[in-house]
Amino acid sequence: MANSTSLPPTADIHSPDVPEENNPEVMTALVHKLGLSSTLSFHDVYSLDDPSLLAFVPRPVLALLLVFPVSKTYETARVAEDSSLPTYSGYGSDEEVLWFRQTIGNACAKDTPLAKLIVEATPLSPEPRARLIENTPAIASAHEFAASQGDTAALSATASVDLHFVAFIKSSQNHLWELDGRRKGPLNRGNLPDGDDALADRALELGVKAFLKREEEAGGGDLRFSLLALAPSFE
């Protein structure tokens, strides 16, 4: 969701999307419009430590969606880690995760737009995948629809919104992956036990908590954040 002025300098910036609120209703509307099963929805995560609040989240959690201010600490850490990593070039059915490089500002993807996107994107390398997102009208349409569902008035597509989305998911091979379209590729953050989901203690320590700890230890960091969980629907 980072705006076009805060995307990495290597990214070719294309027409931005209308910024979205990171609330469960908006994100659920987006993924359902794209074709995700109604048996899955996004839910607020109110605490990372309090068992009574974590109990409100249905399990298993398939993914976490973190939104945070793009800080100097994040930028410094991103550049430092990426400098030692090769540019990701994975593609094909053997990929453990399907990652897209972000080239659109404020875009933080049986016969549905989402299913079609996955099928078309799987054999493509990262650059053609980014172009596929740019040139898929159903994605832009669903994004605009979801943005209009928020509690606050939708901002214009050119609005400066210095917030960014990052996802953490558990793969079928029990790895926790950090998916950030501003990075050089998907990041394997470590192994998870068979019974753990994306909200389990170890997953949080490897992912969201490590992310927030870095900001806190930098001193003066902006610790505002919001966290959603993709998990079974209540209904």
Protein backbone atom coordinates (compact mmCIF):
# COMPACT_ATOMS: atom_id res chain seq x y z
CA MET A 1 0.00 0.00 0.00
CA ALA A 2 3.01 2.26 0.08
CA ASN A 3 2.48 5.19 -2.24
CA SER A 4 4.37 5.64 -5.46
CA THR A 5 6.94 7.95 -3.89
CA SER A 6 7.98 5.32 -1.34
CA LEU A 7 8.31 2.30 -3.59
CA PRO A 8 11.82 1.02 -4.25
CA PRO A 9 13.65 2.99 -6.96
CA THR A 10 13.90 -0.15 -9.10
CA ALA A 11 10.12 -0.44 -9.38
CA ASP A 12 8.36 0.86 -12.47
CA ILE A 13 5.42 2.77 -11.03
CA HIS A 14 2.04 2.47 -12.69
CA SER A 15 -1.35 4.02 -12.02
CA PRO A 16 -2.04 3.82 -8.26
CA ASP A 17 -5.09 2.19 -6.72
CA VAL A 18 -7.49 3.83 -4.29
CA PRO A 19 -6.07 3.28 -0.77
CA GLU A 20 -7.94 0.76 1.37
CA GLU A 21 -8.61 0.57 5.09
CA ASN A 22 -7.03 -2.38 6.86
CA ASN A 23 -10.24 -3.58 8.46
CA PRO A 24 -11.68 -7.09 8.18
CA GLU A 25 -14.85 -6.05 6.35
CA VAL A 26 -12.96 -4.24 3.59
CA MET A 27 -10.37 -6.96 3.09
CA THR A 28 -12.97 -9.72 3.19
CA ALA A 29 -15.05 -7.87 0.59
CA LEU A 30 -11.96 -7.62 -1.63
CA VAL A 31 -10.98 -11.29 -1.53
CA HIS A 32 -14.57 -12.53 -1.85
CA LYS A 33 -15.12 -10.34 -4.89
CA LEU A 34 -11.99 -11.88 -6.40
CA GLY A 35 -13.41 -15.35 -5.78
CA LEU A 36 -11.99 -16.55 -2.46
CA SER A 37 -14.31 -19.03 -0.75
CA SER A 38 -16.87 -17.50 1.62
CA THR A 39 -15.72 -20.06 4.19
CA LEU A 40 -12.68 -17.80 4.77
CA SER A 41 -12.66 -14.22 6.07
CA PHE A 42 -10.35 -11.67 7.66
CA HIS A 43 -10.54 -11.07 11.41
CA ASP A 44 -9.04 -8.43 13.70
CA VAL A 45 -6.13 -9.53 15.88
CA TYR A 46 -6.41 -7.44 19.06
CA SER A 47 -3.32 -8.73 20.86
CA LEU A 48 -0.14 -10.68 20.19
CA ASP A 49 0.16 -11.97 23.76
CA ASP A 50 -3.18 -12.00 25.59
CA PRO A 51 -4.73 -15.51 25.31
CA SER A 52 -8.23 -14.19 26.03
CA LEU A 53 -8.04 -11.78 23.08
CA LEU A 54 -6.30 -14.24 20.77
CA ALA A 55 -9.17 -16.63 21.48
CA PHE A 56 -11.49 -14.36 19.48
CA VAL A 57 -9.66 -15.36 16.28
CA PRO A 58 -10.97 -18.60 14.69
CA ARG A 59 -8.32 -21.17 13.87
CA PRO A 60 -6.43 -22.26 11.93
CA VAL A 61 -5.05 -18.94 10.74
CA LEU A 62 -3.75 -19.28 7.19
CA ALA A 63 -2.13 -15.85 6.90
CA LEU A 64 -1.54 -12.58 8.72
CA LEU A 65 -1.81 -9.16 7.08
CA LEU A 66 0.24 -6.46 8.80
CA VAL A 67 -0.06 -2.77 7.96
CA PHE A 68 2.45 -0.29 9.35
CA PRO A 69 3.97 3.15 8.69
CA VAL A 70 6.94 3.06 6.31
CA SER A 71 9.64 4.18 8.74
CA LYS A 72 13.32 4.93 8.38
CA THR A 73 13.99 1.75 10.38
CA TYR A 74 12.01 -0.37 7.92
CA GLU A 75 13.74 1.22 4.92
CA THR A 76 17.21 0.75 6.42
CA ALA A 77 16.53 -2.90 7.29
CA ARG A 78 14.96 -3.58 3.89
CA VAL A 79 17.92 -2.17 1.98
CA ALA A 80 20.48 -3.91 4.20
CA GLU A 81 18.87 -7.35 3.96
CA ASP A 82 18.09 -7.09 0.27
CA SER A 83 21.68 -6.09 -0.54
CA SER A 84 22.84 -9.62 0.25
CA LEU A 85 19.98 -11.39 -1.52
CA PRO A 86 19.65 -12.29 -5.19
CA THR A 87 16.71 -10.90 -7.13
CA TYR A 88 14.00 -13.53 -7.00
CA SER A 89 13.34 -15.24 -10.32
CA GLY A 90 11.20 -18.19 -9.28
CA TYR A 91 8.24 -19.38 -11.32
CA GLY A 92 6.27 -22.52 -12.06
CA SER A 93 4.29 -25.10 -10.15
CA ASP A 94 7.25 -26.05 -7.93
CA GLU A 95 7.30 -22.65 -6.20
CA GLU A 96 6.51 -22.88 -2.50
CA VAL A 97 4.76 -19.48 -2.54
CA LEU A 98 3.43 -17.22 -5.28
CA TRP A 99 5.00 -13.76 -4.88
CA PHE A 100 4.27 -10.54 -6.80
CA ARG A 101 6.51 -7.50 -7.00
CA GLN A 102 4.56 -4.33 -6.25
CA THR A 103 4.55 -1.86 -9.14
CA ILE A 104 1.22 -0.14 -8.42
CA GLY A 105 1.06 2.54 -5.73
CA ASN A 106 -1.50 1.87 -2.95
CA ALA A 107 -1.82 -1.81 -4.03
CA CYS A 108 -0.71 -3.69 -1.41
CA ALA A 109 -3.93 -10.75 -5.57
CA LYS A 110 -13.56 -22.50 -10.05
CA ASP A 111 -13.92 -19.67 -12.57
CA THR A 112 -13.04 -16.60 -10.53
CA PRO A 113 -10.65 -13.65 -11.08
CA LEU A 114 -8.42 -14.96 -8.28
CA ALA A 115 -8.29 -18.49 -9.69
CA LYS A 116 -7.52 -17.16 -13.17
CA LEU A 117 -4.81 -14.90 -11.77
CA ILE A 118 -3.10 -17.80 -10.00
CA VAL A 119 -3.23 -20.00 -13.10
CA GLU A 120 -1.88 -17.25 -15.36
CA ALA A 121 0.77 -16.07 -12.90
CA THR A 122 2.24 -19.45 -11.90
CA PRO A 123 4.34 -20.02 -15.07
CA LEU A 124 5.54 -16.40 -15.15
CA SER A 125 8.70 -14.96 -13.65
CA PRO A 126 8.35 -11.92 -11.30
CA GLU A 127 8.50 -9.17 -13.95
CA PRO A 128 5.72 -10.58 -16.19
CA ARG A 129 3.71 -11.30 -13.03
CA ALA A 130 3.82 -7.63 -12.08
CA ARG A 131 2.60 -6.69 -15.56
CA LEU A 132 -0.21 -9.25 -15.25
CA ILE A 133 -1.50 -7.49 -12.11
CA GLU A 134 -1.29 -4.13 -13.85
CA ASN A 135 -3.30 -5.37 -16.81
CA THR A 136 -6.01 -7.37 -15.04
CA PRO A 137 -9.13 -5.15 -14.87
CA ALA A 138 -10.88 -7.48 -12.39
CA ILE A 139 -8.17 -6.77 -9.81
CA ALA A 140 -8.52 -3.01 -10.12
CA SER A 141 -12.31 -3.26 -10.07
CA ALA A 142 -12.33 -5.39 -6.92
CA HIS A 143 -9.83 -3.04 -5.27
CA GLU A 144 -12.00 0.02 -5.96
CA PHE A 145 -15.11 -1.79 -4.72
CA ALA A 146 -13.44 -2.80 -1.46
CA ALA A 147 -12.00 0.67 -0.89
CA SER A 148 -15.52 2.11 -1.08
CA GLN A 149 -16.70 -0.19 1.72
CA GLY A 150 -14.59 1.35 4.49
CA ASP A 151 -15.77 3.32 7.52
CA THR A 152 -14.06 6.48 6.27
CA ALA A 153 -14.41 8.25 2.94
CA ALA A 154 -12.20 6.68 0.30
CA LEU A 155 -9.11 8.70 -0.58
CA SER A 156 -8.16 9.49 -4.13
CA ALA A 157 -5.86 7.10 -5.96
CA THR A 158 -3.12 9.75 -5.95
CA ALA A 159 -3.35 10.40 -2.19
CA SER A 160 -0.08 10.11 -0.28
CA VAL A 161 -0.54 7.18 2.12
CA ASP A 162 2.74 6.22 3.77
CA LEU A 163 1.47 2.86 5.04
CA HIS A 164 2.41 -0.54 3.75
CA PHE A 165 1.01 -4.09 3.83
CA VAL A 166 3.09 -7.21 4.48
CA ALA A 167 1.70 -10.76 4.65
CA PHE A 168 2.98 -13.71 6.69
CA ILE A 169 1.86 -17.18 5.63
CA LYS A 170 2.59 -20.79 6.54
CA SER A 171 3.36 -22.87 3.47
CA SER A 172 2.52 -26.51 2.83
CA GLN A 173 6.16 -27.27 3.68
CA ASN A 174 5.79 -25.71 7.15
CA HIS A 175 7.82 -22.59 6.43
CA LEU A 176 6.80 -19.10 7.53
CA TRP A 177 7.07 -16.77 4.54
CA GLU A 178 7.10 -12.97 4.58
CA LEU A 179 5.52 -11.62 1.41
CA ASP A 180 6.37 -7.98 0.73
CA GLY A 181 6.06 -6.64 -2.80
CA ARG A 182 8.71 -4.00 -2.10
CA ARG A 183 11.41 -6.60 -1.43
CA LYS A 184 13.61 -8.54 -3.89
CA GLY A 185 11.51 -11.65 -3.39
CA PRO A 186 9.64 -13.74 -0.81
CA LEU A 187 11.48 -14.24 2.49
CA ASN A 188 11.61 -17.60 4.30
CA ARG A 189 11.61 -16.69 8.00
CA GLY A 190 11.95 -20.21 9.37
CA ASN A 191 10.35 -23.58 10.07
CA LEU A 192 7.09 -24.11 11.96
CA PRO A 193 5.92 -27.31 13.70
CA ASP A 194 3.25 -29.35 11.96
CA GLY A 195 0.44 -28.25 14.28
CA ASP A 196 1.25 -24.54 14.26
CA ASP A 197 -0.67 -22.01 12.18
CA ALA A 198 0.32 -18.47 11.18
CA LEU A 199 -0.81 -17.09 14.58
CA ALA A 200 1.05 -19.63 16.72
CA ASP A 201 3.68 -18.38 19.17
CA ARG A 202 6.67 -19.40 17.02
CA ALA A 203 5.12 -17.89 13.89
CA LEU A 204 4.60 -14.59 15.70
CA GLU A 205 8.17 -14.63 17.05
CA LEU A 206 9.62 -15.24 13.58
CA GLY A 207 7.31 -12.80 11.83
CA VAL A 208 5.23 -9.97 13.27
CA LYS A 209 6.96 -9.71 16.65
CA ALA A 210 10.43 -9.67 15.07
CA PHE A 211 9.20 -6.93 12.74
CA LEU A 212 7.88 -4.80 15.62
CA LYS A 213 10.86 -5.53 17.87
CA ARG A 214 13.19 -4.06 15.25
CA GLU A 215 11.15 -0.84 15.23
CA GLU A 216 11.12 -0.66 19.03
CA GLU A 217 14.84 -1.28 19.42
CA ALA A 218 15.65 1.46 16.91
CA GLY A 219 14.25 4.01 19.35
CA GLY A 220 11.76 6.62 18.30
CA GLY A 221 10.19 4.16 15.88
CA ASP A 222 6.52 4.42 14.98
CA LEU A 223 4.87 1.38 16.54
CA ARG A 224 1.41 2.02 15.12
CA PHE A 225 0.25 -1.11 13.36
CA SER A 226 -2.84 -3.11 12.51
CA LEU A 227 -3.04 -6.88 12.11
CA LEU A 228 -5.64 -9.05 10.39
CA ALA A 229 -5.86 -12.84 10.27
CA LEU A 230 -7.20 -14.87 7.35
CA ALA A 231 -9.12 -17.72 8.96
CA PRO A 232 -12.44 -19.60 8.86
CA SER A 233 -15.54 -17.41 8.66
CA PHE A 234 -17.85 -17.21 11.65
CA GLU A 235 -20.92 -17.88 9.52
